[in-house]
Structures are given as C-alpha cells and as structure tokens.
Amino acid sequence: MRNKKLRGLKRKTRNMIKRIWEETSDFPLEFYNGHWHLHLPVEQSFIDSDSTPSGIKRLCVQTLLEQAKNLIEIKPNTRKKYRVVVYISFQALFDSQIIVFAGDSHYDGFFKRNGEFQKWIPLSEKRNFESDWRINIPKDMNVLGFKEEIIDEDGEIYKRDTWFIGELK
C-alpha cells in the first residue's frame, strides 16, 4: 500500500514553526495546576504520518528545543522557581510539547507515575539524540528517559519511550 501524498507540506510546516515561535516569544504568565504547556500546533495526521519527511519532524523537535532555550533565557528573576522542559515521544510526535513548571512541588509530582494504570520506568540506556535525529541539544539541557506503560480500560497494555530534555536537575 502506497502512502498518500501529503499536500501543503511547506505551508503546514511554516505555520507550525510560526505558531511555536509566537506562543513562546514571551514567558507564560498563566499556570494551571502548577504548569503551562504548549502542545504541537499542528494536525496529528500531518506530523505523525509516515509520508511526512524526517527533515520536517527533525525541524519540529529542534524548534521545540530552541524555543525552550528561549523561555529559559527570558525566565523572570523571581523567588518562584520555574523549570522549562521539552517532552518528546518519538513514536507519537504529536504528543510532544514544551512544559513550564511553576515550583518544585509541581515538577516533582509530575514525574511520579507509578500507579495501577500508568507507570514510568526510568531508562538506564543513554541515547544520543543529537546523532540519531541530527538535532542540537543546548549544552545546559539534560536528558531523561522513561519506558511508559499504560493499561487502558480493556486491559490492553501500551508501551513507548518518552523523553524529557531541559532543566531536569
């Protein structure tokens, strides 16, 4: 079966990048449940399609990293601690996002995923995204990976690797 040709690759890519830049040009002021986040501003059928060239997917990830770096650089200098992190799921790029945590308690609570229906198991393996994906991770950003296991209401188990890049220490 042939992959269906995607129409408007350049336009969709340009709009996605533009919207990421617009949403991250200023540091967020409104936080809900201790965090602010920006999901990818693009259709899932576009970014997760096998027909979407890897160069566009790489540009998407690189833009998230660059704009997270921008948010780190423009963070307000206040007593409240903010952490900027990029969440990436290479198996489902549409789920990727930039997250800004307001306070350590929200940050720490976010990573506690060891319930009956969802577990995050730390990955001991180290992957080199810079060579695998040909992206540049800013030097002051750390990488943390998890094997995510989700059990749905039918007892079906879904597994994937999830990665966080940013202010993790």
Protein backbone atom coordinates (compact mmCIF):
# COMPACT_ATOMS: atom_id res chain seq x y z
CA MET A 1 0.00 0.00 0.00
CA ARG A 2 1.40 3.38 -1.00
CA ASN A 3 1.49 6.27 1.41
CA LYS A 4 -0.85 9.04 0.45
CA LYS A 5 0.96 12.18 -0.63
CA LEU A 6 0.62 14.99 1.88
CA ARG A 7 -0.49 18.30 0.46
CA GLY A 8 0.83 21.64 1.67
CA LEU A 9 4.00 20.37 3.39
CA LYS A 10 5.77 23.73 3.25
CA ARG A 11 2.71 25.70 4.36
CA LYS A 12 1.87 23.34 7.24
CA THR A 13 5.50 23.28 8.39
CA ARG A 14 5.85 27.06 8.15
CA ASN A 15 2.61 27.58 10.11
CA MET A 16 3.64 25.08 12.81
CA ILE A 17 7.03 26.75 13.32
CA LYS A 18 5.46 30.23 13.30
CA ARG A 19 2.90 29.24 15.94
CA ILE A 20 5.56 27.64 18.18
CA TRP A 21 7.59 30.86 17.96
CA GLU A 22 4.55 33.05 18.66
CA GLU A 23 3.47 31.03 21.69
CA THR A 24 6.96 31.06 23.21
CA SER A 25 8.16 34.57 22.42
CA ASP A 26 7.07 35.73 25.90
CA PHE A 27 7.35 33.84 29.17
CA PRO A 28 3.93 32.42 30.14
CA LEU A 29 2.02 34.22 32.87
CA GLU A 30 -0.88 31.84 33.43
CA PHE A 31 -0.29 28.45 35.02
CA TYR A 32 -2.91 25.76 35.60
CA ASN A 33 -2.25 23.08 38.20
CA GLY A 34 1.31 24.39 38.53
CA HIS A 35 2.31 24.26 34.89
CA TRP A 36 1.90 25.79 31.46
CA HIS A 37 2.31 23.72 28.31
CA LEU A 38 2.30 24.10 24.57
CA HIS A 39 1.26 21.11 22.51
CA LEU A 40 2.37 20.96 18.92
CA PRO A 41 0.20 23.38 16.93
CA VAL A 42 -0.28 21.02 14.01
CA GLU A 43 -2.58 18.18 12.96
CA GLN A 44 -1.67 14.73 14.23
CA SER A 45 -2.34 13.27 10.78
CA PHE A 46 0.41 15.55 9.43
CA ILE A 47 3.22 15.25 11.97
CA ASP A 48 2.79 11.52 12.70
CA SER A 49 2.30 10.50 9.07
CA ASP A 50 4.84 8.15 7.51
CA SER A 51 4.64 10.47 4.49
CA THR A 52 5.94 13.46 6.44
CA PRO A 53 9.69 13.71 5.70
CA SER A 54 12.05 13.10 8.61
CA GLY A 55 13.56 16.54 7.99
CA ILE A 56 10.25 18.19 8.90
CA LYS A 57 9.95 16.05 12.04
CA ARG A 58 13.55 16.94 12.95
CA LEU A 59 12.81 20.66 12.40
CA CYS A 60 9.80 20.34 14.70
CA VAL A 61 11.89 18.81 17.53
CA GLN A 62 14.71 21.31 17.01
CA THR A 63 12.26 24.22 17.15
CA LEU A 64 10.80 22.94 20.43
CA LEU A 65 14.31 22.73 21.90
CA GLU A 66 15.30 26.19 20.66
CA GLN A 67 12.15 27.80 21.98
CA ALA A 68 12.52 26.03 25.33
CA LYS A 69 16.02 27.52 25.48
CA ASN A 70 14.48 30.92 24.72
CA LEU A 71 12.00 30.50 27.60
CA ILE A 72 14.87 29.56 29.92
CA GLU A 73 16.72 32.71 28.92
CA ILE A 74 13.72 35.03 29.45
CA LYS A 75 12.51 33.47 32.73
CA PRO A 76 11.58 36.11 35.28
CA ASN A 77 14.08 36.54 38.07
CA THR A 78 11.75 35.88 41.00
CA ARG A 79 11.75 33.81 44.15
CA LYS A 80 9.47 31.29 42.47
CA LYS A 81 11.43 28.59 40.68
CA TYR A 82 10.44 27.80 37.11
CA ARG A 83 11.66 24.83 35.07
CA VAL A 84 11.37 24.55 31.31
CA VAL A 85 11.24 21.05 29.83
CA VAL A 86 10.55 19.60 26.39
CA TYR A 87 8.60 16.33 26.34
CA ILE A 88 9.22 14.21 23.25
CA SER A 89 7.66 10.97 22.16
CA PHE A 90 9.44 9.93 19.01
CA GLN A 91 6.83 7.21 18.37
CA ALA A 92 3.99 9.78 18.55
CA LEU A 93 5.49 13.17 17.84
CA PHE A 94 2.08 14.83 18.10
CA ASP A 95 2.18 14.27 21.88
CA SER A 96 5.39 16.32 22.18
CA GLN A 97 5.22 19.65 23.98
CA ILE A 98 7.03 22.34 25.93
CA ILE A 99 6.17 22.39 29.64
CA VAL A 100 6.97 25.16 32.13
CA PHE A 101 6.65 24.09 35.76
CA ALA A 102 5.97 26.72 38.43
CA GLY A 103 7.58 25.45 41.63
CA ASP A 104 9.39 22.28 42.56
CA SER A 105 6.35 20.54 44.05
CA HIS A 106 4.56 20.57 40.68
CA TYR A 107 7.71 19.44 38.91
CA ASP A 108 8.35 16.59 41.36
CA GLY A 109 4.71 15.49 41.32
CA PHE A 110 4.62 15.38 37.53
CA PHE A 111 7.31 12.69 37.39
CA LYS A 112 5.64 10.42 39.97
CA ARG A 113 3.90 7.98 37.65
CA ASN A 114 3.74 4.62 39.32
CA GLY A 115 0.03 3.91 39.52
CA GLU A 116 -2.09 0.93 38.64
CA PHE A 117 -2.81 2.13 35.10
CA GLN A 118 0.31 4.13 34.26
CA LYS A 119 3.96 3.54 35.05
CA TRP A 120 7.09 5.43 34.07
CA ILE A 121 10.16 3.24 34.41
CA PRO A 122 13.45 5.16 34.16
CA LEU A 123 15.54 4.12 31.17
CA SER A 124 19.11 3.33 32.02
CA GLU A 125 20.19 3.36 28.40
CA LYS A 126 21.63 6.55 27.08
CA ARG A 127 20.60 7.54 23.58
CA ASN A 128 22.37 10.10 21.54
CA PHE A 129 19.55 12.14 20.02
CA GLU A 130 21.99 14.56 18.51
CA SER A 131 23.35 11.88 16.20
CA ASP A 132 20.22 9.69 15.93
CA TRP A 133 17.97 12.60 14.97
CA ARG A 134 20.67 15.06 13.87
CA ILE A 135 19.46 17.71 16.32
CA ASN A 136 21.37 20.03 18.62
CA ILE A 137 20.56 19.89 22.31
CA PRO A 138 21.69 23.04 24.13
CA LYS A 139 24.58 22.26 26.46
CA ASP A 140 22.77 23.33 29.63
CA MET A 141 19.84 20.96 28.99
CA ASN A 142 19.69 17.48 30.50
CA VAL A 143 18.04 14.36 29.06
CA LEU A 144 15.84 11.92 30.99
CA GLY A 145 14.03 8.92 29.50
CA PHE A 146 11.23 6.64 30.67
CA LYS A 147 9.56 3.50 29.43
CA GLU A 148 5.89 4.43 29.71
CA GLU A 149 3.35 1.66 30.27
CA ILE A 150 -0.35 2.45 30.11
CA ILE A 151 -3.14 -0.05 30.73
CA ASP A 152 -6.45 1.01 29.21
CA GLU A 153 -9.94 0.13 30.46
CA ASP A 154 -9.92 -3.09 28.39
CA GLY A 155 -6.66 -4.24 29.98
CA GLU A 156 -4.67 -3.51 26.80
CA ILE A 157 -1.06 -2.52 27.56
CA TYR A 158 0.61 0.25 25.55
CA LYS A 159 4.34 0.87 25.83
CA ARG A 160 6.52 3.63 24.47
CA ASP A 161 9.65 5.54 25.32
CA THR A 162 9.20 9.13 26.47
CA TRP A 163 11.98 11.66 26.74
CA PHE A 164 12.38 14.91 28.61
CA ILE A 165 15.02 17.47 27.68
CA GLY A 166 15.57 20.65 29.64
CA GLU A 167 16.01 21.86 33.21
CA LEU A 168 15.91 18.49 34.91
CA LYS A 169 18.43 18.94 37.72
